[in-house]
Amino acid sequence: MDIVTLMGTTGAIIILIAFALNQTQVWHRDFFIYDLFNAVGAAIMVVYASFIGATPFIFLNAIWMTLAIRDLFTDYDRNEKSHKRGFFNKWMK
């Protein structure tokens, strides 16, 4: 497996992990970790799609990444305003 294929596979697996954990209600859509996985996975997929020249795939994942990053800031702001502290609250709420 070449490095580009490995990169695409890694990005897809990261997004699928977030999706599976959300569907099984282990993670919820407003968890910081869920949005972090989506942002990182989508960023990797944007790079992968650029390497293979798949413009629609670049567009799709760039939007996915942008929305996940927006949600990361929303999650962080919500946690700061509620004064929640600790590992669990930082990553899972």
C-alpha atoms as a PDB file:
ATOM      1  CA  MET A   1       0.000   0.000   0.000  1.00  0.00           C
ATOM      2  CA  ASP A   2       1.489   3.334  -1.024  1.00  0.00           C
ATOM      3  CA  ILE A   3       1.571   6.360   1.318  1.00  0.00           C
ATOM      4  CA  VAL A   4      -1.265   8.186  -0.469  1.00  0.00           C
ATOM      5  CA  THR A   5      -3.607   5.205  -0.150  1.00  0.00           C
ATOM      6  CA  LEU A   6      -2.574   4.785   3.477  1.00  0.00           C
ATOM      7  CA  MET A   7      -3.370   8.458   4.081  1.00  0.00           C
ATOM      8  CA  GLY A   8      -6.845   8.120   2.550  1.00  0.00           C
ATOM      9  CA  THR A   9      -7.537   4.946   4.477  1.00  0.00           C
ATOM     10  CA  THR A  10      -6.453   6.568   7.747  1.00  0.00           C
ATOM     11  CA  GLY A  11      -8.665   9.623   7.201  1.00  0.00           C
ATOM     12  CA  ALA A  12     -11.655   7.454   6.328  1.00  0.00           C
ATOM     13  CA  ILE A  13     -11.132   5.222   9.375  1.00  0.00           C
ATOM     14  CA  ILE A  14     -10.942   8.241  11.697  1.00  0.00           C
ATOM     15  CA  ILE A  15     -14.238   9.592  10.341  1.00  0.00           C
ATOM     16  CA  LEU A  16     -15.853   6.153  10.496  1.00  0.00           C
ATOM     17  CA  ILE A  17     -14.787   5.710  14.123  1.00  0.00           C
ATOM     18  CA  ALA A  18     -16.492   8.995  15.018  1.00  0.00           C
ATOM     19  CA  PHE A  19     -19.575   7.984  13.053  1.00  0.00           C
ATOM     20  CA  ALA A  20     -19.795   4.530  14.649  1.00  0.00           C
ATOM     21  CA  LEU A  21     -19.341   5.855  18.178  1.00  0.00           C
ATOM     22  CA  ASN A  22     -21.985   8.501  17.532  1.00  0.00           C
ATOM     23  CA  GLN A  23     -24.437   5.962  16.113  1.00  0.00           C
ATOM     24  CA  THR A  24     -23.969   3.690  19.107  1.00  0.00           C
ATOM     25  CA  GLN A  25     -24.451   6.685  21.425  1.00  0.00           C
ATOM     26  CA  VAL A  26     -21.004   6.341  22.977  1.00  0.00           C
ATOM     27  CA  TRP A  27     -20.192   9.820  21.639  1.00  0.00           C
ATOM     28  CA  HIS A  28     -22.736  12.529  21.002  1.00  0.00           C
ATOM     29  CA  ARG A  29     -22.628  15.115  18.256  1.00  0.00           C
ATOM     30  CA  ASP A  30     -21.825  17.875  20.748  1.00  0.00           C
ATOM     31  CA  PHE A  31     -18.793  16.073  22.239  1.00  0.00           C
ATOM     32  CA  PHE A  32     -15.472  17.807  21.602  1.00  0.00           C
ATOM     33  CA  ILE A  33     -13.760  14.504  20.770  1.00  0.00           C
ATOM     34  CA  TYR A  34     -16.388  13.699  18.128  1.00  0.00           C
ATOM     35  CA  ASP A  35     -15.784  17.000  16.365  1.00  0.00           C
ATOM     36  CA  LEU A  36     -12.015  16.623  16.734  1.00  0.00           C
ATOM     37  CA  PHE A  37     -12.072  13.220  15.034  1.00  0.00           C
ATOM     38  CA  ASN A  38     -14.234  14.605  12.230  1.00  0.00           C
ATOM     39  CA  ALA A  39     -11.987  17.642  11.709  1.00  0.00           C
ATOM     40  CA  VAL A  40      -8.773  15.596  11.654  1.00  0.00           C
ATOM     41  CA  GLY A  41     -10.225  12.851   9.468  1.00  0.00           C
ATOM     42  CA  ALA A  42     -11.671  15.346   6.990  1.00  0.00           C
ATOM     43  CA  ALA A  43      -8.389  17.310   6.859  1.00  0.00           C
ATOM     44  CA  ILE A  44      -6.512  14.115   5.997  1.00  0.00           C
ATOM     45  CA  MET A  45      -9.148  13.320   3.367  1.00  0.00           C
ATOM     46  CA  VAL A  46      -8.730  16.794   1.794  1.00  0.00           C
ATOM     47  CA  VAL A  47      -4.998  16.157   1.414  1.00  0.00           C
ATOM     48  CA  TYR A  48      -5.644  12.677   0.049  1.00  0.00           C
ATOM     49  CA  ALA A  49      -8.238  13.946  -2.436  1.00  0.00           C
ATOM     50  CA  SER A  50      -5.772  16.634  -3.571  1.00  0.00           C
ATOM     51  CA  PHE A  51      -3.156  13.988  -4.285  1.00  0.00           C
ATOM     52  CA  ILE A  52      -5.538  11.931  -6.406  1.00  0.00           C
ATOM     53  CA  GLY A  53      -7.085  14.987  -8.077  1.00  0.00           C
ATOM     54  CA  ALA A  54     -10.659  14.338  -6.932  1.00  0.00           C
ATOM     55  CA  THR A  55     -12.123  17.858  -6.876  1.00  0.00           C
ATOM     56  CA  PRO A  56     -15.646  16.897  -5.689  1.00  0.00           C
ATOM     57  CA  PHE A  57     -14.077  14.903  -2.857  1.00  0.00           C
ATOM     58  CA  ILE A  58     -11.895  17.896  -1.914  1.00  0.00           C
ATOM     59  CA  PHE A  59     -14.993  20.103  -1.832  1.00  0.00           C
ATOM     60  CA  LEU A  60     -17.014  17.637   0.275  1.00  0.00           C
ATOM     61  CA  ASN A  61     -14.291  17.083   2.855  1.00  0.00           C
ATOM     62  CA  ALA A  62     -13.328  20.762   3.033  1.00  0.00           C
ATOM     63  CA  ILE A  63     -16.916  21.572   4.011  1.00  0.00           C
ATOM     64  CA  TRP A  64     -16.963  18.642   6.468  1.00  0.00           C
ATOM     65  CA  MET A  65     -13.707  19.880   8.013  1.00  0.00           C
ATOM     66  CA  THR A  66     -14.899  23.502   8.205  1.00  0.00           C
ATOM     67  CA  LEU A  67     -18.110  22.531   9.997  1.00  0.00           C
ATOM     68  CA  ALA A  68     -16.236  20.262  12.414  1.00  0.00           C
ATOM     69  CA  ILE A  69     -13.757  23.056  13.225  1.00  0.00           C
ATOM     70  CA  ARG A  70     -16.649  25.467  13.800  1.00  0.00           C
ATOM     71  CA  ASP A  71     -18.165  22.918  16.185  1.00  0.00           C
ATOM     72  CA  LEU A  72     -14.824  22.535  17.996  1.00  0.00           C
ATOM     73  CA  PHE A  73     -14.904  26.238  18.836  1.00  0.00           C
ATOM     74  CA  THR A  74     -18.560  25.995  19.845  1.00  0.00           C
ATOM     75  CA  ASP A  75     -17.793  23.007  22.091  1.00  0.00           C
ATOM     76  CA  TYR A  76     -14.800  24.777  23.654  1.00  0.00           C
ATOM     77  CA  ASP A  77     -16.779  27.969  24.254  1.00  0.00           C
ATOM     78  CA  ARG A  78     -19.660  26.041  25.820  1.00  0.00           C
ATOM     79  CA  ASN A  79     -17.278  24.226  28.175  1.00  0.00           C
ATOM     80  CA  GLU A  80     -15.525  27.427  29.208  1.00  0.00           C
ATOM     81  CA  LYS A  81     -18.811  29.206  29.937  1.00  0.00           C
ATOM     82  CA  SER A  82     -20.083  26.347  32.063  1.00  0.00           C
ATOM     83  CA  HIS A  83     -16.753  26.231  33.979  1.00  0.00           C
ATOM     84  CA  LYS A  84     -16.478  22.473  33.522  1.00  0.00           C
ATOM     85  CA  ARG A  85     -13.016  21.083  34.150  1.00  0.00           C
ATOM     86  CA  GLY A  86     -11.236  17.749  34.006  1.00  0.00           C
ATOM     87  CA  PHE A  87     -10.387  15.289  31.265  1.00  0.00           C
ATOM     88  CA  PHE A  88     -13.867  13.837  30.842  1.00  0.00           C
ATOM     89  CA  ASN A  89     -15.567  17.207  30.604  1.00  0.00           C
ATOM     90  CA  LYS A  90     -12.949  18.656  28.279  1.00  0.00           C
ATOM     91  CA  TRP A  91     -13.147  15.840  25.723  1.00  0.00           C
ATOM     92  CA  MET A  92     -16.597  14.373  26.161  1.00  0.00           C
ATOM     93  CA  LYS A  93     -18.905  17.309  26.863  1.00  0.00           C
END
